N, C-alpha and C. Protein backbone atom coordinates (compact mmCIF):
# COMPACT_ATOMS: atom_id res chain seq x y z
N UNK A 1 -63.62 39.74 -24.91
CA UNK A 1 -62.61 38.96 -25.55
C UNK A 1 -62.01 39.75 -26.68
N UNK A 2 -60.90 39.28 -26.86
CA UNK A 2 -60.12 39.98 -27.86
C UNK A 2 -60.44 39.44 -29.24
N UNK A 3 -60.17 40.28 -30.21
CA UNK A 3 -60.46 39.90 -31.59
C UNK A 3 -59.65 38.67 -32.01
N UNK A 4 -58.43 38.59 -31.60
CA UNK A 4 -57.56 37.47 -31.96
C UNK A 4 -58.06 36.18 -31.33
N UNK A 5 -58.52 36.22 -30.16
CA UNK A 5 -59.00 35.02 -29.47
C UNK A 5 -60.27 34.55 -30.16
N UNK A 6 -61.15 35.48 -30.55
CA UNK A 6 -62.37 35.10 -31.25
C UNK A 6 -62.02 34.48 -32.60
N UNK A 7 -61.06 35.05 -33.26
CA UNK A 7 -60.63 34.52 -34.56
C UNK A 7 -60.06 33.11 -34.38
N UNK A 8 -59.34 32.92 -33.32
CA UNK A 8 -58.72 31.61 -33.06
C UNK A 8 -59.78 30.56 -32.77
N UNK A 9 -60.79 30.93 -32.03
CA UNK A 9 -61.87 30.00 -31.71
C UNK A 9 -62.65 29.64 -32.96
N UNK A 10 -62.87 30.60 -33.86
CA UNK A 10 -63.55 30.31 -35.12
C UNK A 10 -62.72 29.31 -35.94
N UNK A 11 -61.42 29.51 -35.95
CA UNK A 11 -60.57 28.61 -36.73
C UNK A 11 -60.61 27.19 -36.15
N UNK A 12 -60.64 27.08 -34.85
CA UNK A 12 -60.73 25.76 -34.23
C UNK A 12 -62.06 25.09 -34.59
N UNK A 13 -63.11 25.85 -34.59
CA UNK A 13 -64.41 25.29 -34.94
C UNK A 13 -64.39 24.84 -36.39
N UNK A 14 -63.78 25.62 -37.28
CA UNK A 14 -63.69 25.24 -38.70
C UNK A 14 -62.88 23.95 -38.86
N UNK A 15 -61.78 23.85 -38.13
CA UNK A 15 -60.94 22.64 -38.22
C UNK A 15 -61.74 21.47 -37.69
N UNK A 16 -62.47 21.64 -36.63
CA UNK A 16 -63.28 20.57 -36.07
C UNK A 16 -64.34 20.12 -37.06
N UNK A 17 -64.99 21.08 -37.75
CA UNK A 17 -66.00 20.73 -38.73
C UNK A 17 -65.37 19.98 -39.89
N UNK A 18 -64.22 20.44 -40.32
CA UNK A 18 -63.55 19.76 -41.44
C UNK A 18 -63.17 18.34 -41.04
N UNK A 19 -62.71 18.19 -39.83
CA UNK A 19 -62.33 16.85 -39.36
C UNK A 19 -63.57 15.98 -39.32
N UNK A 20 -64.68 16.52 -38.86
CA UNK A 20 -65.91 15.74 -38.82
C UNK A 20 -66.35 15.38 -40.22
N UNK A 21 -66.23 16.31 -41.14
CA UNK A 21 -66.61 16.03 -42.52
C UNK A 21 -65.70 14.94 -43.11
N UNK A 22 -64.41 15.04 -42.81
CA UNK A 22 -63.47 14.03 -43.34
C UNK A 22 -63.79 12.68 -42.72
N UNK A 23 -64.08 12.65 -41.45
CA UNK A 23 -64.40 11.40 -40.78
C UNK A 23 -65.69 10.84 -41.35
N UNK A 24 -66.67 11.72 -41.56
CA UNK A 24 -67.94 11.28 -42.12
C UNK A 24 -67.77 10.91 -43.58
N UNK A 25 -66.81 11.48 -44.18
CA UNK A 25 -66.60 11.27 -45.60
C UNK A 25 -66.12 9.84 -45.83
N UNK A 26 -66.53 9.28 -46.90
CA UNK A 26 -66.16 7.92 -47.26
C UNK A 26 -64.69 7.82 -47.69
N UNK A 27 -64.13 8.94 -48.02
CA UNK A 27 -62.75 8.90 -48.48
C UNK A 27 -61.82 8.37 -47.38
N UNK A 28 -62.01 8.85 -46.21
CA UNK A 28 -61.18 8.39 -45.10
C UNK A 28 -61.42 6.90 -44.84
N UNK A 29 -62.67 6.51 -44.92
CA UNK A 29 -62.98 5.09 -44.73
C UNK A 29 -62.34 4.26 -45.83
N UNK A 30 -62.36 4.82 -47.06
CA UNK A 30 -61.74 4.11 -48.17
C UNK A 30 -60.23 3.99 -47.94
N UNK A 31 -59.64 5.08 -47.48
CA UNK A 31 -58.20 5.07 -47.22
C UNK A 31 -57.89 4.05 -46.13
N UNK A 32 -58.71 4.01 -45.10
CA UNK A 32 -58.49 3.05 -44.03
C UNK A 32 -58.59 1.62 -44.56
N UNK A 33 -59.60 1.36 -45.40
CA UNK A 33 -59.76 0.03 -45.98
C UNK A 33 -58.56 -0.32 -46.85
N UNK A 34 -58.11 0.66 -47.64
CA UNK A 34 -56.96 0.41 -48.50
C UNK A 34 -55.71 0.08 -47.67
N UNK A 35 -55.52 0.81 -46.60
CA UNK A 35 -54.36 0.55 -45.73
C UNK A 35 -54.49 -0.84 -45.12
N UNK A 36 -55.69 -1.19 -44.66
CA UNK A 36 -55.90 -2.52 -44.07
C UNK A 36 -55.64 -3.61 -45.12
N UNK A 37 -56.18 -3.41 -46.32
CA UNK A 37 -55.97 -4.38 -47.40
C UNK A 37 -54.46 -4.52 -47.73
N UNK A 38 -53.81 -3.38 -47.79
CA UNK A 38 -52.38 -3.39 -48.09
C UNK A 38 -51.61 -4.17 -47.03
N UNK A 39 -51.91 -3.91 -45.77
CA UNK A 39 -51.23 -4.60 -44.67
C UNK A 39 -51.52 -6.09 -44.72
N UNK A 40 -52.78 -6.45 -44.95
CA UNK A 40 -53.13 -7.88 -44.97
C UNK A 40 -52.49 -8.59 -46.15
N UNK A 41 -52.49 -7.96 -47.33
CA UNK A 41 -51.84 -8.59 -48.49
C UNK A 41 -50.33 -8.69 -48.27
N UNK A 42 -49.75 -7.67 -47.70
CA UNK A 42 -48.31 -7.72 -47.42
C UNK A 42 -48.00 -8.84 -46.43
N UNK A 43 -48.88 -8.97 -45.44
CA UNK A 43 -48.70 -10.03 -44.46
C UNK A 43 -48.81 -11.41 -45.12
N UNK A 44 -49.80 -11.60 -45.98
CA UNK A 44 -49.98 -12.87 -46.68
C UNK A 44 -48.78 -13.17 -47.57
N UNK A 45 -48.35 -12.16 -48.33
CA UNK A 45 -47.19 -12.36 -49.20
C UNK A 45 -45.95 -12.73 -48.38
N UNK A 46 -45.78 -12.03 -47.29
CA UNK A 46 -44.63 -12.32 -46.43
C UNK A 46 -44.69 -13.75 -45.90
N UNK A 47 -45.88 -14.15 -45.45
CA UNK A 47 -46.04 -15.52 -44.94
C UNK A 47 -45.78 -16.55 -46.03
N UNK A 48 -46.28 -16.27 -47.24
CA UNK A 48 -46.05 -17.20 -48.35
C UNK A 48 -44.56 -17.34 -48.64
N UNK A 49 -43.88 -16.20 -48.68
CA UNK A 49 -42.44 -16.25 -48.95
C UNK A 49 -41.70 -17.00 -47.85
N UNK A 50 -42.07 -16.69 -46.62
CA UNK A 50 -41.41 -17.36 -45.50
C UNK A 50 -41.72 -18.85 -45.53
N UNK A 51 -42.98 -19.20 -45.78
CA UNK A 51 -43.35 -20.61 -45.82
C UNK A 51 -42.63 -21.33 -46.95
N UNK A 52 -42.60 -20.69 -48.13
CA UNK A 52 -41.89 -21.31 -49.26
C UNK A 52 -40.41 -21.45 -48.93
N UNK A 53 -39.84 -20.40 -48.46
CA UNK A 53 -38.42 -20.44 -48.14
C UNK A 53 -38.14 -21.42 -47.01
N UNK A 54 -39.05 -21.43 -46.04
CA UNK A 54 -38.88 -22.33 -44.92
C UNK A 54 -38.96 -23.78 -45.38
N UNK A 55 -39.97 -24.09 -46.21
CA UNK A 55 -40.10 -25.45 -46.73
C UNK A 55 -38.91 -25.80 -47.61
N UNK A 56 -38.52 -24.85 -48.43
CA UNK A 56 -37.35 -25.08 -49.29
C UNK A 56 -36.09 -25.29 -48.47
N UNK A 57 -35.95 -24.50 -47.43
CA UNK A 57 -34.80 -24.62 -46.55
C UNK A 57 -34.82 -25.96 -45.82
N UNK A 58 -35.99 -26.36 -45.34
CA UNK A 58 -36.12 -27.65 -44.67
C UNK A 58 -35.79 -28.77 -45.63
N UNK A 59 -36.30 -28.69 -46.87
CA UNK A 59 -36.02 -29.73 -47.87
C UNK A 59 -34.52 -29.80 -48.17
N UNK A 60 -33.90 -28.64 -48.35
CA UNK A 60 -32.47 -28.63 -48.61
C UNK A 60 -31.69 -29.24 -47.44
N UNK A 61 -32.13 -28.90 -46.24
CA UNK A 61 -31.48 -29.44 -45.05
C UNK A 61 -31.61 -30.97 -45.01
N UNK A 62 -32.79 -31.47 -45.31
CA UNK A 62 -33.03 -32.92 -45.33
C UNK A 62 -32.12 -33.61 -46.35
N UNK A 63 -32.06 -33.02 -47.56
CA UNK A 63 -31.22 -33.60 -48.61
C UNK A 63 -29.76 -33.62 -48.20
N UNK A 64 -29.31 -32.53 -47.65
CA UNK A 64 -27.90 -32.43 -47.22
C UNK A 64 -27.62 -33.42 -46.10
N UNK A 65 -28.58 -33.57 -45.21
CA UNK A 65 -28.44 -34.52 -44.11
C UNK A 65 -28.29 -35.94 -44.63
N UNK A 66 -29.14 -36.31 -45.60
CA UNK A 66 -29.07 -37.65 -46.20
C UNK A 66 -27.74 -37.86 -46.90
N UNK A 67 -27.28 -36.83 -47.63
CA UNK A 67 -26.02 -36.95 -48.36
C UNK A 67 -24.86 -37.15 -47.39
N UNK A 68 -24.86 -36.37 -46.32
CA UNK A 68 -23.79 -36.48 -45.33
C UNK A 68 -23.82 -37.85 -44.65
N UNK A 69 -25.03 -38.34 -44.35
CA UNK A 69 -25.15 -39.66 -43.73
C UNK A 69 -24.59 -40.74 -44.64
N UNK A 70 -24.86 -40.64 -45.94
CA UNK A 70 -24.32 -41.62 -46.89
C UNK A 70 -22.80 -41.58 -46.91
N UNK A 71 -22.25 -40.38 -46.94
CA UNK A 71 -20.79 -40.23 -46.98
C UNK A 71 -20.17 -40.80 -45.71
N UNK A 72 -20.77 -40.47 -44.58
CA UNK A 72 -20.26 -40.96 -43.31
C UNK A 72 -20.37 -42.48 -43.24
N UNK A 73 -21.49 -43.03 -43.69
CA UNK A 73 -21.69 -44.47 -43.68
C UNK A 73 -20.64 -45.17 -44.54
N UNK A 74 -20.40 -44.63 -45.75
CA UNK A 74 -19.40 -45.22 -46.63
C UNK A 74 -18.02 -45.18 -45.98
N UNK A 75 -17.70 -44.04 -45.40
CA UNK A 75 -16.39 -43.88 -44.77
C UNK A 75 -16.23 -44.84 -43.60
N UNK A 76 -17.28 -44.95 -42.79
CA UNK A 76 -17.22 -45.86 -41.65
C UNK A 76 -17.06 -47.30 -42.13
N UNK A 77 -17.79 -47.68 -43.16
CA UNK A 77 -17.68 -49.03 -43.69
C UNK A 77 -16.25 -49.32 -44.18
N UNK A 78 -15.66 -48.35 -44.88
CA UNK A 78 -14.29 -48.52 -45.37
C UNK A 78 -13.33 -48.70 -44.20
N UNK A 79 -13.50 -47.87 -43.17
CA UNK A 79 -12.61 -47.96 -42.02
C UNK A 79 -12.80 -49.28 -41.28
N UNK A 80 -14.03 -49.75 -41.20
CA UNK A 80 -14.29 -51.03 -40.54
C UNK A 80 -13.62 -52.16 -41.32
N UNK A 81 -13.70 -52.11 -42.66
CA UNK A 81 -13.04 -53.12 -43.48
C UNK A 81 -11.53 -53.09 -43.28
N UNK A 82 -10.97 -51.88 -43.23
CA UNK A 82 -9.53 -51.75 -43.01
C UNK A 82 -9.14 -52.34 -41.66
N UNK A 83 -9.95 -52.04 -40.66
CA UNK A 83 -9.65 -52.53 -39.31
C UNK A 83 -9.74 -54.06 -39.27
N UNK A 84 -10.76 -54.62 -39.92
CA UNK A 84 -10.89 -56.08 -39.96
C UNK A 84 -9.70 -56.71 -40.67
N UNK A 85 -9.29 -56.10 -41.77
CA UNK A 85 -8.16 -56.60 -42.53
C UNK A 85 -6.90 -56.57 -41.66
N UNK A 86 -6.69 -55.47 -40.96
CA UNK A 86 -5.53 -55.33 -40.10
C UNK A 86 -5.54 -56.39 -39.01
N UNK A 87 -6.70 -56.59 -38.38
CA UNK A 87 -6.82 -57.58 -37.31
C UNK A 87 -6.56 -58.98 -37.86
N UNK A 88 -7.08 -59.29 -39.04
CA UNK A 88 -6.85 -60.60 -39.65
C UNK A 88 -5.36 -60.82 -39.91
N UNK A 89 -4.68 -59.81 -40.44
CA UNK A 89 -3.24 -59.92 -40.70
C UNK A 89 -2.48 -60.15 -39.40
N UNK A 90 -2.86 -59.42 -38.37
CA UNK A 90 -2.18 -59.58 -37.08
C UNK A 90 -2.42 -60.98 -36.50
N UNK A 91 -3.63 -61.49 -36.68
CA UNK A 91 -3.94 -62.84 -36.20
C UNK A 91 -3.10 -63.87 -36.93
N UNK A 92 -2.94 -63.69 -38.26
CA UNK A 92 -2.11 -64.62 -39.03
C UNK A 92 -0.67 -64.60 -38.52
N UNK A 93 -0.15 -63.39 -38.31
CA UNK A 93 1.22 -63.27 -37.81
C UNK A 93 1.36 -63.91 -36.44
N UNK A 94 0.36 -63.69 -35.59
CA UNK A 94 0.39 -64.28 -34.26
C UNK A 94 0.36 -65.81 -34.32
N UNK A 95 -0.45 -66.34 -35.22
CA UNK A 95 -0.51 -67.81 -35.34
C UNK A 95 0.82 -68.35 -35.85
N UNK A 96 1.47 -67.63 -36.78
CA UNK A 96 2.80 -68.06 -37.25
C UNK A 96 3.79 -68.05 -36.10
N UNK A 97 3.78 -66.96 -35.36
CA UNK A 97 4.69 -66.87 -34.22
C UNK A 97 4.42 -67.96 -33.19
N UNK A 98 3.15 -68.24 -32.97
CA UNK A 98 2.79 -69.26 -32.00
C UNK A 98 3.29 -70.62 -32.46
N UNK A 99 3.15 -70.92 -33.76
CA UNK A 99 3.63 -72.21 -34.26
C UNK A 99 5.14 -72.31 -34.13
N UNK A 100 5.85 -71.19 -34.39
CA UNK A 100 7.30 -71.20 -34.23
C UNK A 100 7.70 -71.42 -32.77
N UNK A 101 6.99 -70.75 -31.88
CA UNK A 101 7.27 -70.91 -30.46
C UNK A 101 7.01 -72.35 -30.03
N UNK A 102 5.93 -72.92 -30.52
CA UNK A 102 5.62 -74.31 -30.17
C UNK A 102 6.70 -75.25 -30.66
N UNK A 103 7.24 -74.99 -31.86
CA UNK A 103 8.34 -75.82 -32.38
C UNK A 103 9.55 -75.73 -31.46
N UNK A 104 9.89 -74.49 -31.07
CA UNK A 104 11.04 -74.32 -30.18
C UNK A 104 10.80 -74.97 -28.83
N UNK A 105 9.58 -74.90 -28.35
CA UNK A 105 9.26 -75.52 -27.07
C UNK A 105 9.41 -77.03 -27.17
N UNK A 106 8.94 -77.61 -28.27
CA UNK A 106 9.07 -79.06 -28.46
C UNK A 106 10.54 -79.45 -28.53
N UNK A 107 11.32 -78.68 -29.28
CA UNK A 107 12.75 -78.97 -29.42
C UNK A 107 13.44 -78.85 -28.07
N UNK A 108 13.12 -77.80 -27.33
CA UNK A 108 13.76 -77.61 -26.03
C UNK A 108 13.33 -78.69 -25.04
N UNK A 109 12.09 -79.15 -25.13
CA UNK A 109 11.63 -80.24 -24.26
C UNK A 109 12.41 -81.52 -24.56
N UNK A 110 12.58 -81.80 -25.86
CA UNK A 110 13.33 -82.98 -26.25
C UNK A 110 14.77 -82.88 -25.78
N UNK A 111 15.36 -81.69 -25.97
CA UNK A 111 16.74 -81.49 -25.53
C UNK A 111 16.84 -81.61 -24.02
N UNK A 112 15.86 -81.07 -23.33
CA UNK A 112 15.86 -81.15 -21.87
C UNK A 112 15.73 -82.60 -21.42
N UNK A 113 14.89 -83.36 -22.09
CA UNK A 113 14.74 -84.78 -21.74
C UNK A 113 16.04 -85.52 -21.98
N UNK A 114 16.69 -85.24 -23.13
CA UNK A 114 17.96 -85.91 -23.44
C UNK A 114 19.01 -85.55 -22.40
N UNK A 115 19.11 -84.27 -22.07
CA UNK A 115 20.11 -83.85 -21.08
C UNK A 115 19.77 -84.41 -19.72
N UNK A 116 18.49 -84.50 -19.42
CA UNK A 116 18.09 -85.07 -18.14
C UNK A 116 18.48 -86.55 -18.09
N UNK A 117 18.25 -87.28 -19.19
CA UNK A 117 18.62 -88.69 -19.24
C UNK A 117 20.13 -88.83 -19.13
N UNK A 118 20.89 -87.98 -19.85
CA UNK A 118 22.34 -88.03 -19.79
C UNK A 118 22.81 -87.71 -18.38
N UNK A 119 22.19 -86.70 -17.80
CA UNK A 119 22.58 -86.30 -16.45
C UNK A 119 22.34 -87.43 -15.47
N UNK A 120 21.22 -88.11 -15.59
CA UNK A 120 20.94 -89.20 -14.67
C UNK A 120 21.90 -90.35 -14.89
N UNK A 121 22.22 -90.61 -16.16
CA UNK A 121 23.17 -91.69 -16.42
C UNK A 121 24.56 -91.29 -15.94
N UNK A 122 24.93 -90.04 -16.12
CA UNK A 122 26.23 -89.56 -15.65
C UNK A 122 26.28 -89.62 -14.14
N UNK A 123 25.21 -89.23 -13.48
CA UNK A 123 25.15 -89.27 -12.03
C UNK A 123 25.32 -90.70 -11.53
N UNK A 124 24.61 -91.59 -12.22
CA UNK A 124 24.71 -92.99 -11.81
C UNK A 124 26.14 -93.48 -11.98
N UNK A 125 26.74 -93.12 -13.11
CA UNK A 125 28.11 -93.56 -13.38
C UNK A 125 29.07 -92.94 -12.37
N UNK A 126 28.92 -91.68 -12.06
CA UNK A 126 29.81 -91.03 -11.09
C UNK A 126 29.61 -91.62 -9.71
N UNK A 127 28.38 -91.96 -9.39
CA UNK A 127 28.14 -92.58 -8.09
C UNK A 127 28.86 -93.93 -8.02
N UNK A 128 28.79 -94.67 -9.10
CA UNK A 128 29.47 -95.98 -9.12
C UNK A 128 30.97 -95.79 -9.00
N UNK A 129 31.51 -94.80 -9.74
CA UNK A 129 32.95 -94.54 -9.68
C UNK A 129 33.35 -94.07 -8.29
N UNK A 130 32.54 -93.20 -7.73
CA UNK A 130 32.84 -92.70 -6.39
C UNK A 130 32.83 -93.85 -5.39
N UNK A 131 31.87 -94.74 -5.55
CA UNK A 131 31.78 -95.89 -4.65
C UNK A 131 33.02 -96.77 -4.80
N UNK A 132 33.46 -96.95 -6.03
CA UNK A 132 34.66 -97.75 -6.27
C UNK A 132 35.88 -97.08 -5.64
N UNK A 133 36.01 -95.75 -5.79
CA UNK A 133 37.14 -95.02 -5.24
C UNK A 133 37.14 -95.11 -3.73
N UNK A 134 35.97 -94.96 -3.15
CA UNK A 134 35.87 -95.06 -1.70
C UNK A 134 36.30 -96.45 -1.24
N UNK A 135 35.84 -97.42 -2.01
CA UNK A 135 36.20 -98.80 -1.66
C UNK A 135 37.71 -98.98 -1.78
N UNK A 136 38.33 -98.46 -2.82
CA UNK A 136 39.77 -98.58 -3.01
C UNK A 136 40.52 -97.86 -1.91
N UNK A 137 40.09 -96.64 -1.56
CA UNK A 137 40.76 -95.87 -0.53
C UNK A 137 40.69 -96.60 0.81
N UNK A 138 39.54 -97.15 1.10
CA UNK A 138 39.41 -97.84 2.39
C UNK A 138 40.32 -99.06 2.44
N UNK A 139 40.43 -99.74 1.30
CA UNK A 139 41.33 -100.90 1.29
C UNK A 139 42.78 -100.45 1.38
N UNK A 140 43.14 -99.34 0.74
CA UNK A 140 44.51 -98.82 0.80
C UNK A 140 44.83 -98.38 2.21
N UNK A 141 43.92 -97.75 2.92
CA UNK A 141 44.15 -97.31 4.28
C UNK A 141 44.40 -98.50 5.18
N UNK A 142 43.60 -99.51 4.93
CA UNK A 142 43.79 -100.70 5.76
C UNK A 142 45.17 -101.27 5.51
N UNK A 143 45.53 -101.31 4.23
CA UNK A 143 46.84 -101.87 3.88
C UNK A 143 47.95 -100.98 4.42
N UNK A 144 47.82 -99.69 4.29
CA UNK A 144 48.85 -98.78 4.77
C UNK A 144 48.96 -98.82 6.29
N UNK A 145 47.90 -98.96 6.96
CA UNK A 145 47.94 -99.05 8.42
C UNK A 145 48.70 -100.30 8.85
N UNK A 146 48.43 -101.34 8.13
CA UNK A 146 49.11 -102.58 8.47
C UNK A 146 50.61 -102.44 8.23
N UNK A 147 50.95 -101.85 7.11
CA UNK A 147 52.37 -101.71 6.78
C UNK A 147 53.06 -100.72 7.68
N UNK A 148 52.40 -99.69 8.09
CA UNK A 148 53.03 -98.71 8.96
C UNK A 148 53.28 -99.30 10.33
N UNK A 149 52.46 -100.15 10.77
CA UNK A 149 52.68 -100.79 12.06
C UNK A 149 53.90 -101.69 12.00
N UNK A 150 54.07 -102.30 10.88
CA UNK A 150 55.19 -103.20 10.72
C UNK A 150 56.49 -102.42 10.58
N UNK A 151 56.47 -101.37 9.82
CA UNK A 151 57.70 -100.63 9.55
C UNK A 151 57.71 -99.32 10.30
N UNK A 152 57.78 -99.38 11.56
CA UNK A 152 57.81 -98.18 12.36
C UNK A 152 59.19 -97.57 12.41
N UNK A 153 60.18 -98.30 12.06
CA UNK A 153 61.54 -97.81 12.14
C UNK A 153 61.85 -96.84 11.00
N UNK A 154 61.09 -96.87 9.97
CA UNK A 154 61.36 -96.02 8.81
C UNK A 154 60.83 -94.63 9.10
N UNK A 155 61.72 -93.61 9.06
CA UNK A 155 61.22 -92.26 9.33
C UNK A 155 60.52 -91.69 8.09
N UNK A 156 59.63 -90.79 8.38
CA UNK A 156 58.89 -90.15 7.29
C UNK A 156 59.78 -89.11 6.66
N UNK A 157 59.58 -88.94 5.40
CA UNK A 157 60.32 -87.91 4.69
C UNK A 157 59.67 -86.57 4.97
N UNK A 158 60.51 -85.63 5.27
CA UNK A 158 60.00 -84.29 5.51
C UNK A 158 60.45 -83.38 4.40
N UNK A 159 59.60 -82.54 4.03
CA UNK A 159 59.94 -81.60 2.97
C UNK A 159 60.56 -80.36 3.58
N UNK A 160 61.58 -79.82 2.92
CA UNK A 160 62.17 -78.61 3.47
C UNK A 160 61.19 -77.44 3.37
N UNK A 161 61.21 -76.60 4.39
CA UNK A 161 60.31 -75.45 4.39
C UNK A 161 60.87 -74.39 3.49
N UNK A 162 59.97 -73.71 2.84
CA UNK A 162 60.38 -72.65 1.95
C UNK A 162 60.64 -71.40 2.76
N UNK A 163 61.67 -70.71 2.34
CA UNK A 163 61.99 -69.49 3.04
C UNK A 163 61.15 -68.35 2.49
N UNK A 164 60.76 -67.50 3.37
CA UNK A 164 60.02 -66.32 2.96
C UNK A 164 61.03 -65.25 2.68
N UNK A 165 61.03 -64.77 1.48
CA UNK A 165 61.98 -63.75 1.08
C UNK A 165 61.57 -62.41 1.66
N UNK A 166 62.57 -61.63 1.99
CA UNK A 166 62.29 -60.29 2.50
C UNK A 166 61.71 -59.44 1.40
N UNK A 167 60.92 -58.48 1.79
CA UNK A 167 60.30 -57.62 0.78
C UNK A 167 61.36 -56.90 -0.01
N UNK A 168 61.28 -57.07 -1.27
CA UNK A 168 62.22 -56.39 -2.14
C UNK A 168 61.74 -54.97 -2.34
N UNK A 169 62.69 -54.07 -2.38
CA UNK A 169 62.31 -52.69 -2.66
C UNK A 169 62.27 -52.52 -4.14
N UNK A 170 61.18 -52.01 -4.58
CA UNK A 170 61.01 -51.78 -6.02
C UNK A 170 61.34 -50.35 -6.32
N UNK A 171 61.87 -50.18 -7.52
CA UNK A 171 62.16 -48.82 -7.94
C UNK A 171 60.84 -48.08 -8.08
N UNK A 172 60.77 -46.90 -7.48
CA UNK A 172 59.52 -46.16 -7.54
C UNK A 172 59.32 -45.61 -8.94
N UNK A 173 58.18 -45.72 -9.37
CA UNK A 173 57.83 -45.22 -10.70
C UNK A 173 57.24 -43.84 -10.56
N UNK A 174 57.49 -43.03 -11.62
CA UNK A 174 56.91 -41.69 -11.62
C UNK A 174 55.42 -41.79 -11.88
N UNK A 175 54.62 -40.93 -11.26
CA UNK A 175 53.17 -41.00 -11.52
C UNK A 175 52.87 -40.69 -12.98
N UNK A 176 51.86 -41.31 -13.45
CA UNK A 176 51.46 -41.15 -14.87
C UNK A 176 50.97 -39.73 -15.07
N UNK A 177 51.29 -39.21 -16.24
CA UNK A 177 50.85 -37.85 -16.56
C UNK A 177 49.38 -37.84 -16.93
N UNK A 178 48.74 -36.82 -16.47
CA UNK A 178 47.32 -36.70 -16.82
C UNK A 178 47.19 -36.02 -18.14
N UNK A 179 46.28 -36.46 -18.89
CA UNK A 179 46.06 -35.90 -20.24
C UNK A 179 45.17 -34.72 -20.20
């Protein structure tokens, strides 16, 4: 073997011994314990912060939720009151309109009854008049028939016929100008 290879093997053995000494040494164990303690304390601190923040965040969320619910409830109540008020006003207006319509209906019914009574009385009167006229006409026909039989020698008067005039020619007018 070469001198360099032997030297290299010695150095590896020395490094191995040093590593064994360090491993056996309490210093490495102490460092390991310190690292473990540091990690565990950091973990605990982190959990505490997260838990505190989480609880604080949850509490804030709850408070905000309650506040928003109150605001929404108040707003809804106001809107419900407005809606009730509007409906009440509309009902009042409708009842007024209904009473006015009922008045007009009563008036029109009375007027219709009066006109119906007048119409029936007028019909009765016209029927009576018509019956009288028919009776008069029938008596006149009887009388005229009797008289015509007696006076057959009298000729009837004839009316002269109207002449139909020939179509007159009208002066033609110029067509109207378009605007």
